[in-house]
C-alpha cells in the first residue's frame, strides 16, 4: 500500500504501456515515455485536461532498450544501451494521427 502525505493524491494518467522505463514532461504537459520492453518512445497528451492521457503517438520504434528520456530546447533525447538519439523539435515531427 502506498502512503501519501496529507493533501497528496495519486491517479492513473495512462495505462496499458509496455514497461515504461523513463519519462520526460514538456512545458505543454506532453509526457514522453521510453519503453525498454517494446523498444519504443511514445508521446502522451491530455487534450481535454481531465488528468488522463487521451492521445498517444508513437515517435520511435525498434530501439535498443531505451532507458532514458530528456528534453532540452525543444529537442527530445533518448538514451539506448549504446547511443543517445536526438529528435529535433519533437512537436513538429509527429505528423501522425494519435493511436488513442
PDB file of N, CA and C in Angstrom:
ATOM      1  N   UNK A   1       0.831  -1.170   0.000  1.00  0.00           N
ATOM      2  CA  UNK A   1       0.000   0.000   0.000  1.00  0.00           C
ATOM      3  C   UNK A   1       0.886   1.247   0.000  1.00  0.00           C
ATOM      4  N   UNK A   2       0.520   2.207  -0.820  1.00  0.00           N
ATOM      5  CA  UNK A   2       1.239   3.466  -0.900  1.00  0.00           C
ATOM      6  C   UNK A   2       0.647   4.438   0.111  1.00  0.00           C
ATOM      7  N   UNK A   3       1.508   5.061   0.873  1.00  0.00           N
ATOM      8  CA  UNK A   3       1.055   6.074   1.835  1.00  0.00           C
ATOM      9  C   UNK A   3       1.529   7.435   1.347  1.00  0.00           C
ATOM     10  N   UNK A   4       0.620   8.370   1.329  1.00  0.00           N
ATOM     11  CA  UNK A   4       0.922   9.710   0.851  1.00  0.00           C
ATOM     12  C   UNK A   4       0.821  10.724   1.977  1.00  0.00           C
ATOM     13  N   UNK A   5       1.588  11.794   1.853  1.00  0.00           N
ATOM     14  CA  UNK A   5       1.421  12.883   2.815  1.00  0.00           C
ATOM     15  C   UNK A   5       0.026  13.495   2.689  1.00  0.00           C
ATOM     16  N   UNK A   6      -0.403  14.150   3.717  1.00  0.00           N
ATOM     17  CA  UNK A   6      -1.702  14.804   3.720  1.00  0.00           C
ATOM     18  C   UNK A   6      -1.824  15.743   2.519  1.00  0.00           C
ATOM     19  N   UNK A   7      -2.981  15.744   1.887  1.00  0.00           N
ATOM     20  CA  UNK A   7      -3.319  16.594   0.745  1.00  0.00           C
ATOM     21  C   UNK A   7      -2.634  16.172  -0.557  1.00  0.00           C
ATOM     22  N   UNK A   8      -1.987  15.012  -0.604  1.00  0.00           N
ATOM     23  CA  UNK A   8      -1.430  14.485  -1.839  1.00  0.00           C
ATOM     24  C   UNK A   8      -2.423  13.491  -2.439  1.00  0.00           C
ATOM     25  N   UNK A   9      -2.360  13.320  -3.760  1.00  0.00           N
ATOM     26  CA  UNK A   9      -3.275  12.436  -4.464  1.00  0.00           C
ATOM     27  C   UNK A   9      -2.526  11.704  -5.568  1.00  0.00           C
ATOM     28  N   UNK A  10      -2.825  10.436  -5.764  1.00  0.00           N
ATOM     29  CA  UNK A  10      -2.277   9.653  -6.870  1.00  0.00           C
ATOM     30  C   UNK A  10      -3.433   9.237  -7.770  1.00  0.00           C
ATOM     31  N   UNK A  11      -3.206   9.340  -9.084  1.00  0.00           N
ATOM     32  CA  UNK A  11      -4.194   8.842 -10.037  1.00  0.00           C
ATOM     33  C   UNK A  11      -3.451   8.271 -11.240  1.00  0.00           C
ATOM     34  N   UNK A  12      -4.126   7.498 -12.035  1.00  0.00           N
ATOM     35  CA  UNK A  12      -3.518   6.893 -13.224  1.00  0.00           C
ATOM     36  C   UNK A  12      -3.681   7.859 -14.394  1.00  0.00           C
ATOM     37  N   UNK A  13      -2.560   8.275 -14.971  1.00  0.00           N
ATOM     38  CA  UNK A  13      -2.557   9.161 -16.129  1.00  0.00           C
ATOM     39  C   UNK A  13      -2.676   8.350 -17.413  1.00  0.00           C
ATOM     40  N   UNK A  14      -1.992   7.209 -17.478  1.00  0.00           N
ATOM     41  CA  UNK A  14      -2.030   6.334 -18.650  1.00  0.00           C
ATOM     42  C   UNK A  14      -1.736   4.914 -18.201  1.00  0.00           C
ATOM     43  N   UNK A  15      -2.365   3.963 -18.858  1.00  0.00           N
ATOM     44  CA  UNK A  15      -2.082   2.562 -18.562  1.00  0.00           C
ATOM     45  C   UNK A  15      -1.923   1.802 -19.874  1.00  0.00           C
ATOM     46  N   UNK A  16      -1.759   0.526 -19.782  1.00  0.00           N
ATOM     47  CA  UNK A  16      -1.534  -0.347 -20.934  1.00  0.00           C
ATOM     48  C   UNK A  16      -0.307   0.089 -21.744  1.00  0.00           C
ATOM     49  N   UNK A  17       0.753   0.464 -21.021  1.00  0.00           N
ATOM     50  CA  UNK A  17       2.027   0.790 -21.635  1.00  0.00           C
ATOM     51  C   UNK A  17       2.968  -0.377 -21.392  1.00  0.00           C
ATOM     52  N   UNK A  18       3.802  -0.671 -22.370  1.00  0.00           N
ATOM     53  CA  UNK A  18       4.705  -1.817 -22.277  1.00  0.00           C
ATOM     54  C   UNK A  18       5.977  -1.443 -21.523  1.00  0.00           C
ATOM     55  N   UNK A  19       5.989  -1.681 -20.220  1.00  0.00           N
ATOM     56  CA  UNK A  19       7.172  -1.483 -19.401  1.00  0.00           C
ATOM     57  C   UNK A  19       7.760  -0.076 -19.512  1.00  0.00           C
ATOM     58  N   UNK A  20       7.011   0.950 -19.140  1.00  0.00           N
ATOM     59  CA  UNK A  20       7.577   2.301 -19.200  1.00  0.00           C
ATOM     60  C   UNK A  20       8.795   2.411 -18.290  1.00  0.00           C
ATOM     61  N   UNK A  21       9.862   2.957 -18.827  1.00  0.00           N
ATOM     62  CA  UNK A  21      11.125   2.994 -18.102  1.00  0.00           C
ATOM     63  C   UNK A  21      11.542   4.411 -17.721  1.00  0.00           C
ATOM     64  N   UNK A  22      11.203   5.385 -18.568  1.00  0.00           N
ATOM     65  CA  UNK A  22      11.621   6.754 -18.291  1.00  0.00           C
ATOM     66  C   UNK A  22      10.565   7.729 -18.803  1.00  0.00           C
ATOM     67  N   UNK A  23      10.520   8.896 -18.174  1.00  0.00           N
ATOM     68  CA  UNK A  23       9.550   9.920 -18.535  1.00  0.00           C
ATOM     69  C   UNK A  23      10.244  11.266 -18.661  1.00  0.00           C
ATOM     70  N   UNK A  24       9.720  12.082 -19.565  1.00  0.00           N
ATOM     71  CA  UNK A  24      10.111  13.483 -19.656  1.00  0.00           C
ATOM     72  C   UNK A  24       8.829  14.256 -19.942  1.00  0.00           C
ATOM     73  N   UNK A  25       8.652  15.386 -19.277  1.00  0.00           N
ATOM     74  CA  UNK A  25       7.428  16.168 -19.435  1.00  0.00           C
ATOM     75  C   UNK A  25       7.771  17.517 -20.042  1.00  0.00           C
ATOM     76  N   UNK A  26       7.112  17.840 -21.155  1.00  0.00           N
ATOM     77  CA  UNK A  26       7.322  19.104 -21.851  1.00  0.00           C
ATOM     78  C   UNK A  26       6.526  20.214 -21.173  1.00  0.00           C
ATOM     79  N   UNK A  27       6.853  21.440 -21.485  1.00  0.00           N
ATOM     80  CA  UNK A  27       6.189  22.588 -20.876  1.00  0.00           C
ATOM     81  C   UNK A  27       4.688  22.601 -21.135  1.00  0.00           C
ATOM     82  N   UNK A  28       4.251  22.018 -22.252  1.00  0.00           N
ATOM     83  CA  UNK A  28       2.820  21.993 -22.567  1.00  0.00           C
ATOM     84  C   UNK A  28       2.096  20.803 -21.941  1.00  0.00           C
ATOM     85  N   UNK A  29       2.826  20.001 -21.167  1.00  0.00           N
ATOM     86  CA  UNK A  29       2.211  18.861 -20.491  1.00  0.00           C
ATOM     87  C   UNK A  29       2.342  17.542 -21.230  1.00  0.00           C
ATOM     88  N   UNK A  30       2.901  17.532 -22.434  1.00  0.00           N
ATOM     89  CA  UNK A  30       3.122  16.281 -23.154  1.00  0.00           C
ATOM     90  C   UNK A  30       4.104  15.424 -22.369  1.00  0.00           C
ATOM     91  N   UNK A  31       3.753  14.157 -22.180  1.00  0.00           N
ATOM     92  CA  UNK A  31       4.603  13.225 -21.445  1.00  0.00           C
ATOM     93  C   UNK A  31       5.242  12.270 -22.452  1.00  0.00           C
ATOM     94  N   UNK A  32       6.557  12.238 -22.492  1.00  0.00           N
ATOM     95  CA  UNK A  32       7.306  11.327 -23.361  1.00  0.00           C
ATOM     96  C   UNK A  32       7.720  10.124 -22.529  1.00  0.00           C
ATOM     97  N   UNK A  33       7.463   8.937 -23.054  1.00  0.00           N
ATOM     98  CA  UNK A  33       7.699   7.701 -22.319  1.00  0.00           C
ATOM     99  C   UNK A  33       8.612   6.790 -23.132  1.00  0.00           C
ATOM    100  N   UNK A  34       9.725   6.402 -22.539  1.00  0.00           N
ATOM    101  CA  UNK A  34      10.598   5.407 -23.145  1.00  0.00           C
ATOM    102  C   UNK A  34      10.220   4.039 -22.611  1.00  0.00           C
ATOM    103  N   UNK A  35       9.996   3.097 -23.504  1.00  0.00           N
ATOM    104  CA  UNK A  35       9.606   1.747 -23.112  1.00  0.00           C
ATOM    105  C   UNK A  35      10.703   0.771 -23.493  1.00  0.00           C
ATOM    106  N   UNK A  36      11.392   0.289 -22.495  1.00  0.00           N
ATOM    107  CA  UNK A  36      12.510  -0.629 -22.716  1.00  0.00           C
ATOM    108  C   UNK A  36      12.039  -1.933 -23.365  1.00  0.00           C
ATOM    109  N   UNK A  37      10.948  -2.471 -22.881  1.00  0.00           N
ATOM    110  CA  UNK A  37      10.461  -3.762 -23.375  1.00  0.00           C
ATOM    111  C   UNK A  37      10.024  -3.704 -24.839  1.00  0.00           C
ATOM    112  N   UNK A  38       9.305  -2.654 -25.211  1.00  0.00           N
ATOM    113  CA  UNK A  38       8.815  -2.567 -26.587  1.00  0.00           C
ATOM    114  C   UNK A  38       9.802  -1.868 -27.514  1.00  0.00           C
ATOM    115  N   UNK A  39      10.852  -1.272 -26.952  1.00  0.00           N
ATOM    116  CA  UNK A  39      11.838  -0.587 -27.777  1.00  0.00           C
ATOM    117  C   UNK A  39      11.266   0.637 -28.471  1.00  0.00           C
ATOM    118  N   UNK A  40      10.388   1.351 -27.781  1.00  0.00           N
ATOM    119  CA  UNK A  40       9.728   2.488 -28.406  1.00  0.00           C
ATOM    120  C   UNK A  40       9.713   3.705 -27.485  1.00  0.00           C
ATOM    121  N   UNK A  41       9.412   4.842 -28.096  1.00  0.00           N
ATOM    122  CA  UNK A  41       9.180   6.075 -27.366  1.00  0.00           C
ATOM    123  C   UNK A  41       7.833   6.601 -27.831  1.00  0.00           C
ATOM    124  N   UNK A  42       6.977   6.920 -26.876  1.00  0.00           N
ATOM    125  CA  UNK A  42       5.663   7.443 -27.213  1.00  0.00           C
ATOM    126  C   UNK A  42       5.459   8.797 -26.544  1.00  0.00           C
ATOM    127  N   UNK A  43       4.526   9.556 -27.089  1.00  0.00           N
ATOM    128  CA  UNK A  43       4.119  10.832 -26.500  1.00  0.00           C
ATOM    129  C   UNK A  43       2.669  10.695 -26.072  1.00  0.00           C
ATOM    130  N   UNK A  44       2.379  11.138 -24.864  1.00  0.00           N
ATOM    131  CA  UNK A  44       1.020  11.107 -24.327  1.00  0.00           C
ATOM    132  C   UNK A  44       0.549  12.534 -24.095  1.00  0.00           C
ATOM    133  N   UNK A  45      -0.691  12.806 -24.494  1.00  0.00           N
ATOM    134  CA  UNK A  45      -1.266  14.125 -24.264  1.00  0.00           C
ATOM    135  C   UNK A  45      -2.623  13.994 -23.601  1.00  0.00           C
ATOM    136  N   UNK A  46      -2.927  14.959 -22.772  1.00  0.00           N
ATOM    137  CA  UNK A  46      -4.227  15.075 -22.115  1.00  0.00           C
ATOM    138  C   UNK A  46      -4.939  16.262 -22.747  1.00  0.00           C
ATOM    139  N   UNK A  47      -5.541  16.042 -23.915  1.00  0.00           N
ATOM    140  CA  UNK A  47      -6.130  17.131 -24.693  1.00  0.00           C
ATOM    141  C   UNK A  47      -7.291  17.822 -23.989  1.00  0.00           C
ATOM    142  N   UNK A  48      -8.093  17.067 -23.246  1.00  0.00           N
ATOM    143  CA  UNK A  48      -9.254  17.670 -22.594  1.00  0.00           C
ATOM    144  C   UNK A  48      -8.977  18.077 -21.140  1.00  0.00           C
ATOM    145  N   UNK A  49      -7.732  17.939 -20.711  1.00  0.00           N
ATOM    146  CA  UNK A  49      -7.277  18.393 -19.406  1.00  0.00           C
ATOM    147  C   UNK A  49      -8.048  17.792 -18.224  1.00  0.00           C
ATOM    148  N   UNK A  50      -8.369  16.492 -18.335  1.00  0.00           N
ATOM    149  CA  UNK A  50      -9.069  15.824 -17.228  1.00  0.00           C
ATOM    150  C   UNK A  50      -8.134  14.980 -16.368  1.00  0.00           C
ATOM    151  N   UNK A  51      -6.826  15.061 -16.649  1.00  0.00           N
ATOM    152  CA  UNK A  51      -5.854  14.322 -15.858  1.00  0.00           C
ATOM    153  C   UNK A  51      -5.594  12.912 -16.353  1.00  0.00           C
ATOM    154  N   UNK A  52      -6.151  12.551 -17.519  1.00  0.00           N
ATOM    155  CA  UNK A  52      -5.963  11.224 -18.111  1.00  0.00           C
ATOM    156  C   UNK A  52      -5.522  11.403 -19.564  1.00  0.00           C
ATOM    157  N   UNK A  53      -4.460  10.706 -19.954  1.00  0.00           N
ATOM    158  CA  UNK A  53      -3.974  10.800 -21.331  1.00  0.00           C
ATOM    159  C   UNK A  53      -5.040  10.292 -22.290  1.00  0.00           C
ATOM    160  N   UNK A  54      -5.339  11.079 -23.317  1.00  0.00           N
ATOM    161  CA  UNK A  54      -6.335  10.653 -24.293  1.00  0.00           C
ATOM    162  C   UNK A  54      -5.790  10.632 -25.717  1.00  0.00           C
ATOM    163  N   UNK A  55      -4.521  11.000 -25.893  1.00  0.00           N
ATOM    164  CA  UNK A  55      -3.862  10.885 -27.192  1.00  0.00           C
ATOM    165  C   UNK A  55      -2.504  10.230 -26.986  1.00  0.00           C
ATOM    166  N   UNK A  56      -2.172   9.320 -27.883  1.00  0.00           N
ATOM    167  CA  UNK A  56      -0.917   8.568 -27.782  1.00  0.00           C
ATOM    168  C   UNK A  56      -0.286   8.525 -29.172  1.00  0.00           C
ATOM    169  N   UNK A  57       0.955   8.985 -29.278  1.00  0.00           N
ATOM    170  CA  UNK A  57       1.681   8.998 -30.542  1.00  0.00           C
ATOM    171  C   UNK A  57       2.939   8.154 -30.405  1.00  0.00           C
ATOM    172  N   UNK A  58       3.224   7.309 -31.377  1.00  0.00           N
ATOM    173  CA  UNK A  58       4.497   6.583 -31.389  1.00  0.00           C
ATOM    174  C   UNK A  58       5.510   7.452 -32.117  1.00  0.00           C
ATOM    175  N   UNK A  59       6.581   7.831 -31.410  1.00  0.00           N
ATOM    176  CA  UNK A  59       7.620   8.667 -32.008  1.00  0.00           C
ATOM    177  C   UNK A  59       8.742   7.834 -32.608  1.00  0.00           C
ATOM    178  N   UNK A  60       9.038   6.694 -32.005  1.00  0.00           N
ATOM    179  CA  UNK A  60      10.122   5.837 -32.495  1.00  0.00           C
ATOM    180  C   UNK A  60       9.851   4.402 -32.082  1.00  0.00           C
ATOM    181  N   UNK A  61      10.230   3.468 -32.963  1.00  0.00           N
ATOM    182  CA  UNK A  61      10.115   2.037 -32.673  1.00  0.00           C
ATOM    183  C   UNK A  61      11.417   1.357 -33.068  1.00  0.00           C
ATOM    184  N   UNK A  62      11.597   0.141 -32.595  1.00  0.00           N
ATOM    185  CA  UNK A  62      12.775  -0.629 -32.966  1.00  0.00           C
ATOM    186  C   UNK A  62      14.053  -0.163 -32.287  1.00  0.00           C
ATOM    187  N   UNK A  63      13.923   0.522 -31.170  1.00  0.00           N
ATOM    188  CA  UNK A  63      15.104   0.997 -30.444  1.00  0.00           C
ATOM    189  C   UNK A  63      15.682  -0.117 -29.575  1.00  0.00           C
ATOM    190  N   UNK A  64      16.936   0.039 -29.215  1.00  0.00           N
ATOM    191  CA  UNK A  64      17.635  -0.944 -28.396  1.00  0.00           C
ATOM    192  C   UNK A  64      17.515  -0.566 -26.923  1.00  0.00           C
ATOM    193  N   UNK A  65      16.459  -1.033 -26.293  1.00  0.00           N
ATOM    194  CA  UNK A  65      16.211  -0.817 -24.866  1.00  0.00           C
ATOM    195  C   UNK A  65      16.351   0.647 -24.438  1.00  0.00           C
ATOM    196  N   UNK A  66      15.476   1.516 -24.921  1.00  0.00           N
ATOM    197  CA  UNK A  66      15.568   2.913 -24.473  1.00  0.00           C
ATOM    198  C   UNK A  66      15.362   3.011 -22.963  1.00  0.00           C
ATOM    199  N   UNK A  67      16.331   3.618 -22.295  1.00  0.00           N
ATOM    200  CA  UNK A  67      16.301   3.656 -20.828  1.00  0.00           C
ATOM    201  C   UNK A  67      16.276   5.057 -20.258  1.00  0.00           C
ATOM    202  N   UNK A  68      16.312   6.084 -21.084  1.00  0.00           N
ATOM    203  CA  UNK A  68      16.289   7.442 -20.571  1.00  0.00           C
ATOM    204  C   UNK A  68      15.700   8.395 -21.583  1.00  0.00           C
ATOM    205  N   UNK A  69      14.949   9.384 -21.108  1.00  0.00           N
ATOM    206  CA  UNK A  69      14.411  10.437 -21.963  1.00  0.00           C
ATOM    207  C   UNK A  69      14.652  11.775 -21.280  1.00  0.00           C
ATOM    208  N   UNK A  70      14.958  12.782 -22.081  1.00  0.00           N
ATOM    209  CA  UNK A  70      15.170  14.134 -21.553  1.00  0.00           C
ATOM    210  C   UNK A  70      14.832  15.142 -22.640  1.00  0.00           C
ATOM    211  N   UNK A  71      14.408  16.317 -22.224  1.00  0.00           N
ATOM    212  CA  UNK A  71      14.107  17.408 -23.153  1.00  0.00           C
ATOM    213  C   UNK A  71      15.105  18.534 -22.941  1.00  0.00           C
ATOM    214  N   UNK A  72      15.515  19.146 -24.066  1.00  0.00           N
ATOM    215  CA  UNK A  72      16.390  20.319 -23.993  1.00  0.00           C
ATOM    216  C   UNK A  72      16.111  21.191 -25.204  1.00  0.00           C
ATOM    217  N   UNK A  73      15.674  22.415 -24.969  1.00  0.00           N
ATOM    218  CA  UNK A  73      15.399  23.399 -26.012  1.00  0.00           C
ATOM    219  C   UNK A  73      14.507  22.838 -27.123  1.00  0.00           C
ATOM    220  N   UNK A  74      13.481  22.109 -26.736  1.00  0.00           N
ATOM    221  CA  UNK A  74      12.512  21.594 -27.695  1.00  0.00           C
ATOM    222  C   UNK A  74      12.874  20.272 -28.331  1.00  0.00           C
ATOM    223  N   UNK A  75      14.086  19.785 -28.118  1.00  0.00           N
ATOM    224  CA  UNK A  75      14.508  18.504 -28.673  1.00  0.00           C
ATOM    225  C   UNK A  75      14.368  17.417 -27.613  1.00  0.00           C
ATOM    226  N   UNK A  76      14.027  16.221 -28.060  1.00  0.00           N
ATOM    227  CA  UNK A  76      13.908  15.071 -27.164  1.00  0.00           C
ATOM    228  C   UNK A  76      15.141  14.193 -27.332  1.00  0.00           C
ATOM    229  N   UNK A  77      15.777  13.856 -26.230  1.00  0.00           N
ATOM    230  CA  UNK A  77      16.945  12.976 -26.223  1.00  0.00           C
ATOM    231  C   UNK A  77      16.533  11.641 -25.622  1.00  0.00           C
ATOM    232  N   UNK A  78      16.948  10.560 -26.286  1.00  0.00           N
ATOM    233  CA  UNK A  78      16.613   9.215 -25.826  1.00  0.00           C
ATOM    234  C   UNK A  78      17.899   8.410 -25.711  1.00  0.00           C
ATOM    235  N   UNK A  79      18.131   7.855 -24.529  1.00  0.00           N
ATOM    236  CA  UNK A  79      19.326   7.039 -24.306  1.00  0.00           C
ATOM    237  C   UNK A  79      18.984   5.577 -24.534  1.00  0.00           C
ATOM    238  N   UNK A  80      19.753   4.935 -25.414  1.00  0.00           N
ATOM    239  CA  UNK A  80      19.689   3.486 -25.600  1.00  0.00           C
ATOM    240  C   UNK A  80      20.883   2.896 -24.854  1.00  0.00           C
ATOM    241  N   UNK A  81      21.052   1.590 -24.979  1.00  0.00           N
ATOM    242  CA  UNK A  81      22.154   0.970 -24.253  1.00  0.00           C
ATOM    243  C   UNK A  81      23.524   1.412 -24.764  1.00  0.00           C
ATOM    244  N   UNK A  82      23.651   1.779 -26.055  1.00  0.00           N
ATOM    245  CA  UNK A  82      24.963   2.138 -26.585  1.00  0.00           C
ATOM    246  C   UNK A  82      24.996   3.452 -27.352  1.00  0.00           C
ATOM    247  N   UNK A  83      23.917   4.230 -27.306  1.00  0.00           N
ATOM    248  CA  UNK A  83      23.933   5.516 -28.003  1.00  0.00           C
ATOM    249  C   UNK A  83      22.839   6.420 -27.446  1.00  0.00           C
ATOM    250  N   UNK A  84      22.953   7.698 -27.791  1.00  0.00           N
ATOM    251  CA  UNK A  84      21.941   8.686 -27.438  1.00  0.00           C
ATOM    252  C   UNK A  84      21.400   9.274 -28.736  1.00  0.00           C
ATOM    253  N   UNK A  85      20.082   9.287 -28.865  1.00  0.00           N
ATOM    254  CA  UNK A  85      19.433   9.819 -30.051  1.00  0.00           C
ATOM    255  C   UNK A  85      18.828  11.180 -29.743  1.00  0.00           C
ATOM    256  N   UNK A  86      18.795  12.055 -30.752  1.00  0.00           N
ATOM    257  CA  UNK A  86      18.130  13.351 -30.597  1.00  0.00           C
ATOM    258  C   UNK A  86      17.031  13.457 -31.644  1.00  0.00           C
ATOM    259  N   UNK A  87      15.831  13.762 -31.174  1.00  0.00           N
ATOM    260  CA  UNK A  87      14.703  14.010 -32.056  1.00  0.00           C
ATOM    261  C   UNK A  87      14.491  15.517 -32.077  1.00  0.00           C
ATOM    262  N   UNK A  88      14.791  16.141 -33.211  1.00  0.00           N
ATOM    263  CA  UNK A  88      14.729  17.596 -33.324  1.00  0.00           C
ATOM    264  C   UNK A  88      13.297  18.105 -33.243  1.00  0.00           C
ATOM    265  N   UNK A  89      13.111  19.166 -32.465  1.00  0.00           N
ATOM    266  CA  UNK A  89      11.828  19.857 -32.366  1.00  0.00           C
ATOM    267  C   UNK A  89      10.667  18.872 -32.380  1.00  0.00           C
ATOM    268  N   UNK A  90      10.603  18.067 -31.369  1.00  0.00           N
ATOM    269  CA  UNK A  90       9.711  16.925 -31.273  1.00  0.00           C
ATOM    270  C   UNK A  90       8.275  17.211 -31.691  1.00  0.00           C
ATOM    271  N   UNK A  91       7.678  18.292 -31.228  1.00  0.00           N
ATOM    272  CA  UNK A  91       6.264  18.561 -31.529  1.00  0.00           C
ATOM    273  C   UNK A  91       5.981  18.705 -33.014  1.00  0.00           C
ATOM    274  N   UNK A  92       6.943  19.159 -33.768  1.00  0.00           N
ATOM    275  CA  UNK A  92       6.710  19.434 -35.178  1.00  0.00           C
ATOM    276  C   UNK A  92       6.947  18.218 -36.062  1.00  0.00           C
ATOM    277  N   UNK A  93       7.396  17.123 -35.496  1.00  0.00           N
ATOM    278  CA  UNK A  93       7.731  15.956 -36.317  1.00  0.00           C
ATOM    279  C   UNK A  93       6.779  14.788 -36.162  1.00  0.00           C
ATOM    280  N   UNK A  94       5.714  14.949 -35.348  1.00  0.00           N
ATOM    281  CA  UNK A  94       4.834  13.805 -35.137  1.00  0.00           C
ATOM    282  C   UNK A  94       4.165  13.420 -36.447  1.00  0.00           C
ATOM    283  N   UNK A  95       3.412  14.340 -37.036  1.00  0.00           N
ATOM    284  CA  UNK A  95       2.804  14.125 -38.335  1.00  0.00           C
ATOM    285  C   UNK A  95       1.943  12.884 -38.461  1.00  0.00           C
ATOM    286  N   UNK A  96       1.479  12.335 -37.355  1.00  0.00           N
ATOM    287  CA  UNK A  96       0.662  11.133 -37.400  1.00  0.00           C
ATOM    288  C   UNK A  96      -0.599  11.353 -36.562  1.00  0.00           C
ATOM    289  N   UNK A  97      -1.591  10.572 -36.865  1.00  0.00           N
ATOM    290  CA  UNK A  97      -2.794  10.619 -36.047  1.00  0.00           C
ATOM    291  C   UNK A  97      -2.543   9.868 -34.753  1.00  0.00           C
ATOM    292  N   UNK A  98      -3.181  10.301 -33.690  1.00  0.00           N
ATOM    293  CA  UNK A  98      -2.980   9.593 -32.420  1.00  0.00           C
ATOM    294  C   UNK A  98      -3.513   8.178 -32.470  1.00  0.00           C
ATOM    295  N   UNK A  99      -2.922   7.296 -31.667  1.00  0.00           N
ATOM    296  CA  UNK A  99      -3.340   5.900 -31.586  1.00  0.00           C
ATOM    297  C   UNK A  99      -4.528   5.695 -30.662  1.00  0.00           C
ATOM    298  N   UNK A 100      -4.810   6.661 -29.805  1.00  0.00           N
ATOM    299  CA  UNK A 100      -5.970   6.541 -28.903  1.00  0.00           C
ATOM    300  C   UNK A 100      -6.618   7.881 -28.716  1.00  0.00           C
TER     301      UNK A 100
END
